[in-house]
């Protein structure tokens, strides 16, 4: 299959999964996997699946960020490409879907705004916001931090290179200060990063087996990260 056909197929599958999610009134637990996904890779997918399995979540919504406040614009490619790659990467898992909520939003995109919108859509569901443990260590700069914790249970996924003691200490601080509900999960080390993938592409090195094959095809088809 060529990249154009794969994208069309991914769009159709994602719409079907999204519609099914909206109409399921019995949904109780929804995971939200935020990130720039620049590009999305197997580390993201393995983390989401590990959290879904451990906490018995009904669905994981992958949420590519629009214009994140903590990232340099120079580092991030067009949000439409990141959303397309996310749809392609998640299409084979019936529990995963991609959302365009943040990429459609004008201006800076903040997690608290996204969580409020999701709570309006899924009124009776518990939201689990999945993030890297390193992000938890730097979470104090987030907009309306306390409100974030009121809207969602946070799940910090331990990544390679992050000291567990540091993460646990930070989680305890946040729990005491904000009465936050924070879970911590160890994900088997998949030492893959988007930064490394972008560098490999620039240096014309192989990225095979580090991200889904169809995402790789999309990157080359659109000449991304060169």
Foldseek 3Di string as FASTA:
>chain_A
DALVVLLVVLVVLQVVLVVVVLPPLPFAEEEEEEDQCLPPWVVSVLVVVVVCVVVVHQAYEYERAAAAPPDDPVSHDHSVLNQSLLSSQCSVPSRYHYDCVRNPDPDHDAVLVVLVVVCVSNVNYAYEYEDALVCLLVVPPGPPSLSNQVRHEYEHEYEPPDDPVSSVVSVVVCCVPRVGRYHYHYGPYDPDDSVVVLVCVVVVHDCPPGGDPSSVSSCVVVVPSD
